[in-house]
Protein backbone atom coordinates (compact mmCIF):
# COMPACT_ATOMS: atom_id res chain seq x y z
CA MET A 1 83.33 143.57 42.46
CA ILE A 2 86.85 142.87 41.19
CA ALA A 3 87.97 139.26 41.46
CA PRO A 4 91.23 138.86 43.39
CA LYS A 5 94.20 138.04 41.18
CA PRO A 6 96.24 134.95 42.05
CA LYS A 7 99.64 135.58 43.57
CA LYS A 8 102.30 135.75 40.91
CA LYS A 9 104.58 132.75 41.14
CA TRP A 10 105.73 130.01 38.85
CA ARG A 11 103.07 127.40 38.22
CA PRO A 12 103.41 124.48 35.85
CA SER A 13 101.06 124.36 32.92
CA LEU A 14 98.69 121.47 32.36
CA GLY A 15 100.84 120.31 29.45
CA GLN A 16 103.98 120.29 31.62
CA ILE A 17 102.22 118.26 34.30
CA VAL A 18 100.94 115.73 31.76
CA PHE A 19 104.41 115.49 30.18
CA GLY A 20 106.02 114.99 33.59
CA VAL A 21 103.56 112.27 34.52
CA LEU A 22 104.08 110.48 31.20
CA ALA A 23 107.86 110.75 31.51
CA LEU A 24 107.68 109.33 35.02
CA VAL A 25 105.51 106.45 33.83
CA ALA A 26 107.90 105.76 30.95
CA THR A 27 110.96 105.68 33.25
CA LEU A 28 109.38 103.50 35.91
CA PRO A 29 110.57 100.27 34.26
CA LEU A 30 114.13 101.64 34.07
CA VAL A 31 114.02 102.87 37.65
CA GLY A 32 112.80 99.43 38.62
CA LEU A 33 116.04 97.93 37.36
CA PHE A 34 117.94 99.57 40.19
CA PHE A 35 115.61 97.99 42.68
CA PHE A 36 116.80 94.65 41.39
CA ARG A 37 119.71 95.04 43.81
CA ILE A 38 117.28 94.02 46.51
CA TYR A 39 116.31 91.10 44.33
CA ASP A 40 120.02 90.29 43.90
CA ASN A 41 120.40 90.08 47.65
CA GLN A 42 117.42 87.76 47.86
CA LEU A 43 118.91 85.54 45.17
CA ILE A 44 122.22 85.43 47.07
CA ARG A 45 120.49 84.25 50.23
CA GLN A 46 118.48 81.75 48.24
CA THR A 47 121.73 80.41 46.77
CA GLN A 48 123.27 80.22 50.24
CA ALA A 49 120.24 78.30 51.52
CA GLU A 50 120.60 75.79 48.68
CA LEU A 51 124.30 75.33 49.41
CA ILE A 52 123.51 74.80 53.10
CA ALA A 53 121.01 72.06 52.22
CA GLN A 54 123.31 70.32 49.76
CA SER A 55 126.41 70.45 51.97
CA ARG A 56 124.42 69.30 54.99
CA VAL A 57 123.40 66.13 53.18
CA LEU A 58 126.98 65.44 52.15
CA ALA A 59 128.13 66.22 55.71
CA ALA A 60 125.75 63.58 57.06
CA VAL A 61 127.10 61.00 54.59
CA TYR A 62 130.64 62.05 55.41
CA ALA A 63 129.94 61.69 59.15
CA GLU A 64 128.58 58.15 58.63
CA GLU A 65 131.75 57.18 56.80
CA VAL A 66 133.96 58.59 59.57
CA THR A 67 131.88 56.94 62.29
CA ALA A 68 132.27 53.58 60.58
CA ARG A 69 136.06 53.98 60.73
CA LEU A 70 136.39 55.12 64.35
CA ALA A 71 137.10 51.56 65.49
CA SER A 72 140.05 51.40 63.08
CA GLY A 73 141.59 54.46 64.74
CA ILE A 74 140.81 57.24 62.24
CA ALA A 75 142.03 60.58 63.64
CA LEU A 76 139.52 63.36 64.30
CA GLY A 77 140.16 67.05 64.23
CA ALA A 78 139.76 69.81 66.79
CA GLU A 79 137.30 69.40 69.61
CA ILE A 80 134.38 71.79 69.61
CA PRO A 81 134.25 73.94 72.76
CA PRO A 82 131.30 73.11 75.02
CA GLU A 83 129.77 76.54 74.57
CA ALA A 84 129.75 76.12 70.76
CA ARG A 85 128.11 72.70 70.77
CA PRO A 86 124.40 72.47 69.81
CA ASP A 87 121.94 71.53 72.53
CA ALA A 88 121.33 67.77 72.34
CA SER A 89 117.67 68.29 73.31
CA ASP A 90 116.98 70.45 70.25
CA GLU A 91 115.35 68.42 67.50
CA VAL A 92 115.68 71.26 64.95
CA THR A 93 118.81 73.37 64.57
CA PRO A 94 118.35 75.33 61.33
CA ILE A 95 121.13 77.38 59.77
CA ARG A 96 119.70 80.60 58.37
CA PRO A 97 121.28 82.30 55.35
CA LEU A 98 122.47 85.73 56.49
CA LEU A 99 124.73 86.97 53.68
CA ASP A 100 123.88 90.57 52.81
CA LEU A 101 125.10 92.22 49.64
CA LEU A 102 123.54 95.55 50.64
CA ALA A 103 125.60 95.58 53.85
CA ASN A 104 128.78 95.10 51.82
CA ASP A 105 129.52 91.60 53.19
CA LEU A 106 131.91 91.21 50.30
CA PHE A 107 135.44 89.80 50.41
CA VAL A 108 138.19 89.81 47.82
CA ARG A 109 138.39 86.85 45.52
CA ARG A 110 139.08 83.51 47.18
CA PRO A 111 142.77 82.89 47.94
CA ASP A 112 144.49 80.12 46.02
CA ALA A 113 145.10 76.75 47.65
CA ARG A 114 148.45 76.13 49.35
CA GLU A 115 150.68 73.15 49.71
CA ALA A 116 149.57 70.93 52.58
CA VAL A 117 151.83 70.78 55.65
CA ARG A 118 151.37 67.01 55.65
CA PRO A 119 149.43 64.72 53.32
CA ALA A 120 145.88 63.69 54.11
CA ASP A 121 145.25 60.51 56.11
CA PRO A 122 144.67 57.57 53.69
CA ALA A 123 141.44 56.83 55.55
CA TYR A 124 140.11 60.27 54.67
CA VAL A 125 141.36 59.92 51.09
CA ALA A 126 139.31 56.72 50.88
CA ILE A 127 136.23 58.55 52.20
CA GLY A 128 136.75 61.28 49.59
CA ALA A 129 136.97 58.67 46.87
CA ARG A 130 133.62 57.20 47.98
CA LEU A 131 131.99 60.67 48.01
CA LEU A 132 133.38 61.81 44.65
CA PRO A 133 130.76 60.05 42.45
CA VAL A 134 127.98 61.54 44.57
CA ILE A 135 129.55 64.98 44.25
CA ARG A 136 129.84 64.75 40.47
CA GLU A 137 126.24 63.65 40.03
CA THR A 138 125.10 66.46 42.28
CA GLN A 139 127.14 69.02 40.35
CA LYS A 140 125.41 68.07 37.11
CA VAL A 141 122.09 69.32 38.48
CA THR A 142 123.02 72.04 40.98
CA LEU A 143 126.02 73.51 39.09
CA ALA A 144 127.67 74.09 42.49
CA GLY A 145 131.35 73.60 43.18
CA PHE A 146 132.24 71.03 45.88
CA ARG A 147 135.39 70.52 47.93
CA VAL A 148 135.53 67.87 50.67
CA LEU A 149 138.21 68.67 53.25
CA ASP A 150 139.78 66.50 55.95
CA PRO A 151 140.16 67.75 59.57
CA GLN A 152 143.33 69.65 58.56
CA GLY A 153 141.67 71.49 55.62
CA VAL A 154 143.25 69.34 52.88
CA VAL A 155 141.09 68.66 49.80
CA ILE A 156 140.21 64.95 49.61
CA ALA A 157 137.44 65.17 46.98
CA GLY A 158 136.61 67.62 44.21
CA ARG A 159 137.40 68.44 40.59
CA ASP A 160 140.46 70.57 41.37
CA GLU A 161 142.99 71.31 44.09
CA MET A 162 143.21 67.66 45.26
CA GLY A 163 145.77 67.23 48.06
CA ARG A 164 146.16 70.97 48.59
CA SER A 165 145.20 72.91 51.71
CA LEU A 166 142.39 75.49 52.06
CA ALA A 167 142.76 75.90 55.80
CA HIS A 168 143.98 79.50 55.45
CA ILE A 169 140.66 80.72 53.97
CA GLU A 170 138.51 82.58 56.55
CA GLU A 171 135.29 80.59 56.19
CA VAL A 172 137.17 77.26 56.07
CA ALA A 173 139.19 78.18 59.18
CA ALA A 174 135.94 78.94 61.05
CA ALA A 175 134.41 75.61 59.93
CA LEU A 176 137.52 73.66 61.08
CA LYS A 177 136.69 75.01 64.56
CA GLY A 178 133.17 73.60 64.35
CA LYS A 179 131.27 76.75 63.27
CA TYR A 180 129.36 77.07 60.03
CA SER A 181 130.59 80.01 57.96
CA ALA A 182 129.83 81.58 54.58
CA ALA A 183 131.26 84.43 52.54
CA LEU A 184 130.59 86.54 49.45
CA ARG A 185 133.64 86.89 47.28
CA ILE A 186 134.41 88.70 44.07
CA ARG A 187 134.24 86.33 41.14
CA ILE A 188 136.45 86.46 38.05
CA PRO A 189 134.19 85.25 35.22
CA ASP A 190 135.39 82.90 32.53
CA LYS A 191 134.12 85.29 29.83
CA ALA A 192 133.21 88.96 29.62
CA PRO A 193 129.76 89.62 31.10
CA PRO A 194 127.01 91.26 29.02
CA PRO A 195 126.90 95.09 29.12
CA ILE A 196 123.65 95.16 31.07
CA TYR A 197 125.42 93.39 33.97
CA SER A 198 127.00 96.67 35.01
CA ILE A 199 123.64 97.74 36.49
CA SER A 200 123.78 95.02 39.14
CA ARG A 201 126.26 94.32 41.91
CA GLY A 202 125.18 90.71 42.35
CA VAL A 203 126.54 89.33 39.11
CA GLY A 204 130.25 89.53 39.97
CA VAL A 205 130.14 87.62 43.25
CA HIS A 206 130.47 84.01 44.36
CA VAL A 207 128.76 82.47 47.37
CA PHE A 208 131.07 80.21 49.47
CA SER A 209 129.69 77.94 52.19
CA ALA A 210 131.80 75.95 54.69
CA MET A 211 129.81 73.27 56.55
CA PRO A 212 131.71 71.45 59.37
CA VAL A 213 131.35 67.68 59.70
CA VAL A 214 131.03 66.87 63.42
CA VAL A 215 131.60 63.41 64.91
CA ASP A 216 131.65 62.90 68.70
CA ASP A 217 131.98 66.68 69.25
CA HIS A 218 135.08 66.78 67.08
CA VAL A 219 135.52 68.20 63.60
CA ALA A 220 135.94 65.36 61.12
CA GLY A 221 136.09 67.54 58.02
CA VAL A 222 134.45 70.33 56.03
CA ILE A 223 132.08 70.37 53.05
CA TYR A 224 133.19 73.47 51.16
CA THR A 225 130.70 74.53 48.42
CA SER A 226 130.43 77.50 46.11
CA ARG A 227 128.11 78.79 43.44
CA THR A 228 127.34 81.95 41.46
CA PRO A 229 123.89 83.26 42.42
CA ARG A 230 121.28 83.38 39.73
CA ASN A 231 120.67 86.87 38.31
CA ILE A 232 117.74 88.47 36.56
CA PHE A 233 119.94 90.34 34.11
CA GLU A 234 121.28 87.18 32.60
CA HIS A 235 117.74 86.34 31.62
CA LEU A 236 117.17 89.87 30.35
CA TYR A 237 120.28 89.72 28.20
CA VAL A 238 119.38 86.37 26.73
CA GLU A 239 115.91 87.69 25.99
CA ARG A 240 117.11 91.13 24.94
CA GLY A 241 114.97 91.04 21.81
CA LYS A 242 111.84 90.66 23.86
CA PHE A 243 113.14 93.26 26.31
CA ILE A 244 113.61 95.78 23.48
CA ALA A 245 110.16 94.94 22.18
CA ALA A 246 108.69 95.50 25.64
CA GLY A 247 110.52 98.82 25.96
CA SER A 248 109.27 99.89 22.55
CA ALA A 249 105.74 98.93 23.55
CA ILE A 250 106.09 101.04 26.71
CA ILE A 251 107.30 104.03 24.69
CA LEU A 252 104.54 103.67 22.10
CA THR A 253 101.94 103.25 24.83
CA THR A 254 103.23 106.35 26.59
CA LEU A 255 103.09 108.33 23.34
CA LEU A 256 99.57 107.07 22.70
CA VAL A 257 98.47 108.07 26.21
CA GLY A 258 100.10 111.47 25.68
CA LEU A 259 98.27 111.90 22.37
CA ILE A 260 94.94 110.97 23.97
CA VAL A 261 95.52 113.32 26.92
CA SER A 262 96.60 116.11 24.58
CA ARG A 263 93.55 115.73 22.36
CA THR A 264 91.01 115.26 25.14
CA ILE A 265 92.36 117.58 27.85
CA THR A 266 95.33 119.80 26.99
CA ARG A 267 94.25 120.97 23.54
CA PRO A 268 90.63 121.81 24.47
CA MET A 269 91.86 123.57 27.60
CA ARG A 270 94.29 125.73 25.62
CA GLU A 271 91.58 126.57 23.09
CA LEU A 272 89.18 127.51 25.87
CA VAL A 273 91.84 129.72 27.49
CA ASP A 274 92.45 131.37 24.10
CA ARG A 275 88.70 131.98 23.65
CA ALA A 276 88.48 133.54 27.12
CA GLY A 277 91.35 135.90 26.28
CA ARG A 278 89.75 136.90 22.97
CA ILE A 279 86.38 137.52 24.61
CA GLY A 280 88.11 139.65 27.26
CA ARG A 281 89.61 141.73 24.41
CA ASN A 282 86.15 142.07 22.75
CA ASP A 283 87.32 139.97 19.81
CA PRO A 284 84.29 138.44 18.02
CA GLN A 285 86.45 135.42 17.13
CA GLY A 286 86.32 134.45 20.80
CA PHE A 287 82.80 133.10 20.35
CA ARG A 288 83.83 130.58 17.69
CA PRO A 289 83.20 126.97 18.79
CA LEU A 290 86.20 124.87 19.76
CA ALA A 291 87.78 122.69 17.10
CA HIS A 292 87.92 119.76 19.54
CA TYR A 293 85.97 119.41 22.76
CA GLY A 294 87.75 116.23 23.81
CA THR A 295 85.44 114.94 26.52
CA ARG A 296 81.82 115.36 27.48
CA ASP A 297 82.90 117.37 30.51
CA PHE A 298 84.84 119.87 28.39
CA ALA A 299 81.91 120.09 25.97
CA GLU A 300 79.56 120.96 28.84
CA LEU A 301 82.11 123.39 30.31
CA ALA A 302 82.53 125.11 26.93
CA GLU A 303 78.75 125.24 26.44
CA HIS A 304 78.17 126.91 29.79
CA PHE A 305 81.20 129.18 29.32
CA PHE A 306 80.05 130.46 25.93
CA ALA A 307 76.48 130.87 27.21
CA MET A 308 77.76 132.91 30.15
CA ALA A 309 80.07 134.95 27.91
CA ALA A 310 77.25 135.60 25.43
CA GLN A 311 74.94 136.66 28.24
CA LEU A 312 77.58 139.01 29.64
CA ALA A 313 78.21 140.41 26.16
CA ARG A 314 74.49 140.97 25.62
CA ARG A 315 74.21 142.62 29.01
CA SER A 316 77.21 144.83 28.23
CA ASN A 317 75.66 145.91 24.92
CA TYR A 318 72.32 146.39 26.64
CA ILE A 319 73.86 148.58 29.35
CA ARG A 320 75.73 150.59 26.72
CA ASN A 321 72.61 151.15 24.63
CA PHE A 322 70.49 151.69 27.71
CA SER A 323 72.87 154.37 28.97
CA ALA A 324 72.76 156.15 25.64
CA HIS A 325 68.93 156.04 25.56
CA LEU A 326 68.67 157.08 29.20
CA THR A 327 70.94 160.06 28.61
CA HIS A 328 68.83 161.10 25.65
CA GLU A 329 65.55 160.67 27.55
CA LEU A 330 66.76 162.62 30.57
CA LYS A 331 68.22 165.40 28.45
CA SER A 332 64.86 166.73 27.16
CA PRO A 333 63.02 167.19 30.49
CA LEU A 334 66.15 168.48 32.22
CA THR A 335 66.74 171.01 29.44
CA SER A 336 63.11 172.11 29.61
CA ILE A 337 63.23 172.49 33.40
CA LYS A 338 66.52 174.37 33.26
CA GLY A 339 65.27 176.74 30.51
CA ALA A 340 62.00 177.51 32.30
CA ALA A 341 63.80 178.09 35.59
CA GLU A 342 66.34 180.44 33.96
CA LEU A 343 63.58 182.47 32.27
CA MET A 344 61.70 182.81 35.54
CA LEU A 345 64.89 183.80 37.34
CA ASP A 346 65.72 186.43 34.71
CA SER A 347 62.18 187.79 34.94
CA LEU A 348 62.48 188.00 38.73
CA HIS A 349 65.64 190.16 38.55
CA ALA A 350 64.59 192.29 35.54
CA SER A 351 63.31 195.81 36.14
CA SER A 352 61.03 195.65 33.14
CA ALA A 353 59.62 193.10 30.68
CA ARG A 354 58.75 190.71 33.42
CA LEU A 355 56.78 187.54 32.75
CA THR A 356 53.07 187.80 33.10
CA PRO A 357 51.30 185.57 35.66
CA ALA A 358 49.93 183.45 32.83
CA GLU A 359 53.43 182.92 31.44
CA GLN A 360 54.79 182.10 34.88
CA GLU A 361 51.98 179.59 35.44
CA ARG A 362 52.73 177.99 32.05
CA PHE A 363 56.46 177.68 32.86
CA LEU A 364 55.70 176.23 36.29
CA SER A 365 53.31 173.73 34.73
CA ASN A 366 56.05 172.70 32.30
CA ILE A 367 58.48 172.24 35.19
CA LEU A 368 55.99 170.16 37.16
CA GLY A 369 55.12 168.10 34.08
CA ASP A 370 58.77 167.36 33.33
CA ALA A 371 59.39 166.58 37.01
CA GLU A 372 56.50 164.11 36.99
CA ARG A 373 57.92 162.52 33.87
CA LEU A 374 61.31 162.16 35.55
CA ASP A 375 59.59 160.68 38.59
CA ARG A 376 57.77 158.13 36.42
CA MET A 377 61.02 157.33 34.65
CA ALA A 378 62.81 156.85 37.98
CA GLN A 379 60.03 154.54 39.13
CA ARG A 380 60.33 152.51 35.92
CA LEU A 381 64.11 152.34 36.38
CA ARG A 382 63.62 150.94 39.86
CA GLU A 383 61.19 148.36 38.50
CA LEU A 384 63.64 147.47 35.74
CA ALA A 385 66.47 147.03 38.27
CA ARG A 386 64.21 144.82 40.39
CA ALA A 387 63.24 142.81 37.31
CA GLU A 388 66.88 142.13 36.46
CA ALA A 389 67.67 140.99 39.99
CA VAL A 390 68.42 137.39 40.88
CA GLN A 391 65.51 135.02 40.39
CA GLN A 392 63.38 134.57 43.48
CA SER A 393 62.26 131.25 44.87
CA GLU A 394 58.66 132.33 45.50
CA THR A 395 55.74 131.06 43.42
CA SER A 396 52.29 132.40 42.62
CA SER A 397 49.37 131.88 40.26
CA LEU A 398 47.23 134.04 38.00
CA ILE A 399 44.21 133.59 40.21
CA ASP A 400 46.14 135.29 43.04
CA VAL A 401 46.86 138.53 41.15
CA ILE A 402 43.88 138.99 38.82
CA PRO A 403 41.69 140.62 41.51
CA GLN A 404 44.43 143.20 42.20
CA LEU A 405 44.84 143.81 38.47
CA ARG A 406 41.11 144.55 38.19
CA GLU A 407 41.36 146.99 41.10
CA ARG A 408 44.20 148.91 39.40
CA PHE A 409 42.38 149.16 36.07
CA PRO A 410 38.66 149.50 36.83
CA THR A 411 37.94 150.94 33.38
CA LEU A 412 39.23 147.84 31.61
CA GLN A 413 37.19 144.67 31.16
CA ILE A 414 39.50 141.77 32.03
CA GLU A 415 38.44 138.35 30.70
CA THR A 416 40.22 135.17 31.88
CA ARG A 417 40.05 131.52 30.94
CA GLY A 418 42.17 128.40 31.04
CA VAL A 419 44.58 127.12 33.69
CA LEU A 420 44.68 129.93 36.24
CA GLU A 421 45.71 128.04 39.39
CA ARG A 422 48.93 126.61 37.98
CA GLN A 423 51.85 127.83 40.06
CA VAL A 424 54.58 129.74 38.23
CA ALA A 425 58.13 130.60 39.36
CA LEU A 426 57.38 134.30 39.94
CA SER A 427 56.31 135.97 43.13
CA SER A 428 52.83 137.51 43.19
CA GLU A 429 54.40 141.00 43.24
CA THR A 430 56.55 140.27 40.17
CA LEU A 431 53.68 138.64 38.28
CA LEU A 432 51.47 141.63 39.08
CA ILE A 433 54.18 143.99 37.73
CA VAL A 434 54.21 142.07 34.45
CA LEU A 435 50.43 142.15 34.02
CA THR A 436 50.24 145.78 35.16
CA HIS A 437 52.63 146.96 32.46
CA LEU A 438 50.79 145.00 29.81
CA ALA A 439 47.47 146.43 30.96
CA ASP A 440 48.89 149.97 31.17
CA ASN A 441 50.31 149.64 27.66
CA ALA A 442 46.90 148.49 26.41
CA ALA A 443 45.07 151.32 28.19
CA ARG A 444 47.41 153.94 26.67
CA HIS A 445 46.52 152.59 23.22
CA ASP A 446 42.73 152.96 23.73
CA ALA A 447 41.99 149.38 24.72
CA ARG A 448 38.76 148.60 26.57
CA THR A 449 39.05 144.82 26.97
CA ILE A 450 41.96 142.60 27.97
CA SER A 451 41.85 138.81 27.61
CA LEU A 452 44.05 136.40 29.56
CA GLU A 453 44.15 132.82 28.28
CA ALA A 454 46.39 130.32 30.14
CA ALA A 455 47.31 126.86 28.87
CA ASP A 456 49.58 124.21 30.38
CA HIS A 457 52.53 122.93 28.31
CA ALA A 458 54.75 120.49 30.27
CA ASP A 459 56.94 122.63 32.54
CA GLN A 460 55.65 125.94 31.20
CA LEU A 461 52.48 127.95 31.50
CA VAL A 462 51.68 129.65 28.20
CA LEU A 463 49.75 132.88 28.81
CA LYS A 464 48.28 134.76 25.87
CA VAL A 465 47.42 138.39 26.65
CA GLY A 466 45.31 140.24 24.07
CA ASN A 467 43.62 143.64 23.92
CA ASP A 468 41.37 145.51 21.48
CA GLY A 469 43.47 148.66 21.43
CA SER A 470 45.19 150.29 18.48
CA PRO A 471 47.13 147.73 16.42
CA ILE A 472 50.91 147.94 16.21
CA SER A 473 52.23 149.08 12.86
CA PRO A 474 54.61 146.73 11.02
CA ALA A 475 57.42 149.30 11.33
CA ASN A 476 57.16 149.32 15.14
CA ARG A 477 56.75 145.58 15.80
CA GLU A 478 60.53 145.02 15.97
CA ARG A 479 61.07 147.90 18.41
CA ILE A 480 58.29 147.61 20.96
CA PHE A 481 60.53 145.80 23.49
CA ASP A 482 63.34 148.40 23.22
CA ALA A 483 63.79 150.61 26.25
CA PHE A 484 62.42 154.19 25.88
CA PHE A 485 60.64 153.41 22.63
CA THR A 486 57.10 154.82 22.81
CA THR A 487 54.48 156.30 20.51
CA ARG A 488 52.61 157.95 23.41
CA ARG A 489 55.30 160.26 24.80
CA ASP A 490 52.92 163.18 24.87
CA SER A 491 50.51 161.24 27.11
CA GLY A 492 53.19 160.38 29.65
CA GLY A 493 54.57 157.17 28.16
CA THR A 494 58.15 156.34 29.13
CA GLY A 495 58.75 153.48 26.69
CA MET A 496 59.97 151.20 29.46
CA GLY A 497 56.92 149.08 30.28
CA LEU A 498 57.47 146.29 27.75
CA ALA A 499 61.25 146.46 28.32
CA ILE A 500 60.60 145.78 32.02
CA VAL A 501 58.30 142.86 31.14
CA ARG A 502 60.96 141.32 28.88
CA ALA A 503 63.66 141.76 31.53
CA ILE A 504 61.49 140.05 34.15
CA MET A 505 60.73 137.15 31.84
CA MET A 506 64.38 136.65 30.89
CA SER A 507 65.64 136.84 34.48
CA HIS A 508 63.09 134.19 35.57
CA GLY A 509 63.75 131.76 32.72
CA GLY A 510 60.72 132.74 30.62
CA GLU A 511 60.14 134.68 27.44
CA ILE A 512 57.67 137.06 25.80
CA SER A 513 56.85 137.51 22.13
CA LEU A 514 54.42 139.49 20.02
CA LEU A 515 51.95 137.32 18.08
CA PRO A 516 50.87 138.23 14.55
CA ALA A 517 47.50 140.05 14.52
CA GLU A 518 45.78 142.49 12.16
CA HIS A 519 43.03 144.12 14.22
CA ASP A 520 44.20 143.66 17.82
CA VAL A 521 47.35 143.16 19.88
CA ARG A 522 48.31 139.74 21.32
CA PHE A 523 51.35 138.81 23.42
CA GLU A 524 52.49 135.29 24.34
CA LEU A 525 54.25 134.78 27.67
CA ARG A 526 55.96 131.51 28.54
CA LEU A 527 56.24 131.27 32.32
CA PRO A 528 58.23 128.53 34.13
CA ALA A 529 55.57 126.41 35.88
CA ARG A 530 55.67 124.59 39.22
CA GLY A 531 53.48 121.82 40.61
CA GLU A 532 50.63 119.99 38.91
CA PRO A 533 48.13 121.81 36.64
CA ARG A 534 44.51 122.43 37.71
CA GLN A 535 41.87 123.60 35.24
CA THR A 536 39.94 126.72 36.26
CA HIS A 537 37.61 128.90 34.17
CA LEU A 538 36.78 132.45 35.19
CA LYS A 539 35.01 135.24 33.37
């Protein structure tokens, strides 16, 4: 049966897959840098939340100062529309940070301050002077920029832009109407940013927060704060030495993993593929062991692969030799039959010099004898094919087949002793075939007695089969298991009996060997055993 070939299409090699996986692992840290944009957005909202908290505290202080001056006639700003006023019954009115860098909530840089239409009320200037020390102390810790605006948007407290108006800025204009507002704006840094900053969008922005100060539902001012959000790349740039060391460690680790994978997987796999190709081309170098097996799994795979390849090679050589021997063995009887038939046919058509009845009887006897030999050979071939079939799951014991063996060879005295009831991994039919061929071989060599001695050895039953027939000469001891080798061809021997026995033993996981002996013949069979041993003695 021919194995189907895989459809021809491009498939990556194992080495390419391993390289791709390692490259992906090595680039994961770099790819992760681009995901820091999400982290940038989180930092921006965190910064906005901090500005909301800080400005809300200052707004509460600012409102207390304004409330204390209401009796003196301090002027308030615009009245908040009823629909924009918070519900008085709500105990908690949080302001959630909603700036989103990913949604491009980004404005141009903050416009410059303008000249105020009219100067700030002295009362508000006094409030700004009282808040200025608090603002400066807060700035030392938070690093935020603070501007305190009066109801008209004029700066009354802060480091810069005192007395100037910020009312034209979008977020300030919204706060002067009583609505909290914030904005992201492009920031012009004081010094050139590090090169790594170009990866992030969050480093060149400024968060601006405008918190209205509300007194008696009127706007009394605005706390205008700003700050640059913290950024992960600033830390990476400061610690660039450690970052380079970490990157180098990642590269070295990736190379080390690649080396380990190459030595334990890729290289053994390539060697095994090369061995398979060599074996397919009948190159003896294909059976060389691998230089590196890598892992236990590859070692086991290579062991089973080479065992299978060796078995297939032996079977191929066996079939080749067997075919040559079979052709030679069939040639003689077929030639004899053909020659006798042609002579008889010529005699039938000849007008004179016909064969005598005695000659015709002799030729017919030769034909029948050769036909019987071919029949015996065909029967042995069938037995050999059955012996080389897949191992059966049936079991049997010697005590089951010995009576049948005695019936087939009534002229032989069969003696038995030892463990005869031990189950072996051969069916009773197969076991009887083995013993029959051994007994037939002994009978053809003038044996009168056959001895069977069984002994238990762990998972094997060791059976020693001896006979008192003609001893085997030293020159023939190495060839007795070869197919078609026989010294009794004239008496009908086919030379396949012991070859069939060896094939059966090999196909069932056993073995047969010829034991040294001077005056008799002794074989040792190692049969795979099943079950627990039981001692039985028969004679």
